[in-house]
Amino acid sequence: MSNIKEILNKSSVFNSLGEDDIQRLEPLFEKREIHPGDIIAKAEDTAQFFFLLNKGTILLAMEEGRSVVLNTPGDFIGLELLSARGVYKTTMTVLENGSVFVVPRQDFLSVIQEDSSAAAVIMTSWQEYLDKTASFAKNIEDLSLPEHF
């Protein structure tokens, strides 16, 4: 897979969106190559981006020795899995060559803060993804937007 539309349609967080919503999200993302050893987000740095895995393997090292390995195209790395109050709380290290699509954090938050059906779909799908991928992370309903993201 190589284009953002394919990845958005494959992602469990975004695949329930309508075609118009996918087209609206597409221009927000930029593709970047990743290589083993790259640190693409570091805990305690200012959170600037969220990420959508296109290809490769990424390790998310979290507090208290917890970690998550993501290697499925369409895995979304954002919101409380990655940051809190505008600061990364997770260090993301690349384990295997590939690429990610990056979206500016504030641009993505603007989309999900809208009172729209797309925002509701994304947030519901995100909670399901988070429960499956990192059930030890805080539930999204425990957080208030935008302060905590």
Protein backbone atom coordinates (compact mmCIF):
# COMPACT_ATOMS: atom_id res chain seq x y z
CA MET A 1 0.00 0.00 0.00
CA SER A 2 1.31 3.40 -0.75
CA ASN A 3 -1.35 6.05 -0.89
CA ILE A 4 -3.19 7.69 1.96
CA LYS A 5 -6.65 6.92 0.60
CA GLU A 6 -5.91 3.17 0.61
CA ILE A 7 -4.53 3.31 4.16
CA LEU A 8 -7.45 5.38 5.49
CA ASN A 9 -9.86 2.86 3.96
CA LYS A 10 -7.90 -0.02 5.53
CA SER A 11 -7.52 1.56 8.97
CA SER A 12 -9.96 0.35 11.61
CA VAL A 13 -10.09 3.93 12.93
CA PHE A 14 -11.05 5.51 9.59
CA ASN A 15 -12.58 2.77 7.42
CA SER A 16 -16.16 3.54 8.48
CA LEU A 17 -15.98 7.08 7.11
CA GLY A 18 -17.78 8.08 3.95
CA GLU A 19 -15.94 8.93 0.75
CA ASP A 20 -16.40 12.69 1.29
CA ASP A 21 -14.82 12.47 4.75
CA ILE A 22 -11.90 10.40 3.44
CA GLN A 23 -11.31 12.99 0.71
CA ARG A 24 -11.35 15.74 3.33
CA LEU A 25 -8.72 13.95 5.45
CA GLU A 26 -6.38 12.98 2.60
CA PRO A 27 -4.65 16.36 2.15
CA LEU A 28 -3.86 16.58 5.89
CA PHE A 29 -1.44 13.63 5.71
CA GLU A 30 2.14 13.59 4.42
CA LYS A 31 4.10 10.39 3.73
CA ARG A 32 7.51 9.88 5.37
CA GLU A 33 9.97 7.00 5.07
CA ILE A 34 11.10 5.34 8.31
CA HIS A 35 14.21 3.28 9.05
CA PRO A 36 15.27 0.97 11.93
CA GLY A 37 16.50 2.99 14.89
CA ASP A 38 14.67 6.19 13.90
CA ILE A 39 12.95 7.84 16.85
CA ILE A 40 9.96 9.59 15.37
CA ALA A 41 8.48 10.84 18.62
CA LYS A 42 10.18 11.17 21.99
CA ALA A 43 8.48 11.20 25.37
CA GLU A 44 8.41 14.68 26.93
CA ASP A 45 8.84 16.50 23.59
CA THR A 46 6.09 18.81 22.36
CA ALA A 47 3.55 16.74 20.42
CA GLN A 48 3.42 17.98 16.84
CA PHE A 49 2.14 15.03 14.82
CA PHE A 50 0.02 11.91 14.90
CA PHE A 51 0.92 8.96 12.68
CA LEU A 52 -0.78 6.38 10.48
CA LEU A 53 1.35 3.33 9.71
CA ASN A 54 1.71 2.52 6.03
CA LYS A 55 4.40 -0.15 6.20
CA GLY A 56 6.98 -1.34 8.73
CA THR A 57 7.10 -1.95 12.47
CA ILE A 58 7.09 0.62 15.26
CA LEU A 59 7.63 0.19 19.00
CA LEU A 60 5.76 2.54 21.34
CA ALA A 61 7.60 2.58 24.67
CA MET A 62 5.29 3.84 27.40
CA GLU A 63 5.41 4.66 31.08
CA GLU A 64 5.77 1.90 33.66
CA GLY A 65 7.62 -0.37 31.23
CA ARG A 66 4.59 -0.89 29.00
CA SER A 67 4.95 -1.08 25.26
CA VAL A 68 3.01 -1.75 22.09
CA VAL A 69 4.37 -3.02 18.78
CA LEU A 70 2.45 -1.81 15.73
CA ASN A 71 2.96 -3.46 12.35
CA THR A 72 -0.40 -3.47 10.62
CA PRO A 73 -0.96 -1.02 7.77
CA GLY A 74 -3.56 1.46 9.01
CA ASP A 75 -2.52 1.38 12.67
CA PHE A 76 -3.16 4.88 14.04
CA ILE A 77 -0.72 6.32 16.55
CA GLY A 78 -2.25 9.36 18.15
CA LEU A 79 -4.47 10.82 20.82
CA GLU A 80 -3.90 9.48 24.33
CA LEU A 81 -1.89 6.51 23.07
CA LEU A 82 0.81 9.00 22.09
CA SER A 83 0.37 12.27 23.95
CA ALA A 84 -1.25 14.11 26.84
CA ARG A 85 -1.71 17.85 27.18
CA GLY A 86 0.29 18.51 24.03
CA VAL A 87 3.35 16.52 25.13
CA TYR A 88 4.40 13.11 23.84
CA LYS A 89 4.17 10.53 26.61
CA THR A 90 5.38 7.73 24.35
CA THR A 91 8.68 7.23 22.55
CA MET A 92 8.19 5.79 19.06
CA THR A 93 11.12 3.82 17.69
CA VAL A 94 11.19 2.27 14.23
CA LEU A 95 12.03 -1.45 14.25
CA GLU A 96 11.57 -2.23 10.56
CA ASN A 97 11.87 -0.17 7.35
CA GLY A 98 8.68 1.31 6.02
CA SER A 99 6.71 4.51 5.95
CA VAL A 100 4.14 6.45 7.91
CA PHE A 101 1.66 9.14 7.03
CA VAL A 102 1.96 12.07 9.43
CA VAL A 103 -0.82 14.50 10.23
CA PRO A 104 -0.25 17.70 12.18
CA ARG A 105 -1.71 17.14 15.64
CA GLN A 106 -3.68 20.38 15.65
CA ASP A 107 -5.18 19.75 12.20
CA PHE A 108 -6.40 16.33 13.31
CA LEU A 109 -7.78 17.67 16.58
CA SER A 110 -9.69 20.33 14.65
CA VAL A 111 -11.41 17.58 12.64
CA ILE A 112 -12.45 15.53 15.68
CA GLN A 113 -13.58 18.58 17.65
CA GLU A 114 -16.23 19.31 15.04
CA ASP A 115 -19.78 18.35 15.83
CA SER A 116 -20.09 16.05 12.85
CA SER A 117 -20.92 12.46 12.10
CA ALA A 118 -17.33 11.95 10.85
CA ALA A 119 -15.91 13.09 14.19
CA ALA A 120 -18.27 10.75 16.05
CA VAL A 121 -17.31 7.80 13.82
CA ILE A 122 -13.58 8.48 14.29
CA MET A 123 -13.89 8.73 18.07
CA THR A 124 -16.00 5.58 18.39
CA SER A 125 -13.64 3.63 16.12
CA TRP A 126 -10.63 5.02 18.01
CA GLN A 127 -11.96 3.76 21.34
CA GLU A 128 -12.51 0.29 19.86
CA TYR A 129 -8.98 0.31 18.39
CA LEU A 130 -7.48 1.48 21.68
CA ASP A 131 -9.33 -1.22 23.63
CA LYS A 132 -7.94 -3.87 21.28
CA THR A 133 -4.41 -2.49 20.85
CA ALA A 134 -3.55 -1.00 24.25
CA SER A 135 -6.33 -1.71 26.70
CA PHE A 136 -4.20 -0.40 29.57
CA ALA A 137 -4.30 3.14 28.10
CA LYS A 138 -6.86 5.60 29.46
CA ASN A 139 -10.31 5.42 27.96
CA ILE A 140 -11.06 8.33 25.71
CA GLU A 141 -14.19 9.27 27.63
CA ASP A 142 -11.98 10.00 30.65
CA LEU A 143 -10.33 12.80 28.69
CA SER A 144 -11.62 16.15 27.58
CA LEU A 145 -10.72 17.71 24.25
CA PRO A 146 -8.51 19.55 23.42
CA GLU A 147 -6.64 20.03 26.70
CA HIS A 148 -5.42 16.46 27.09
CA PHE A 149 -4.40 15.74 23.51
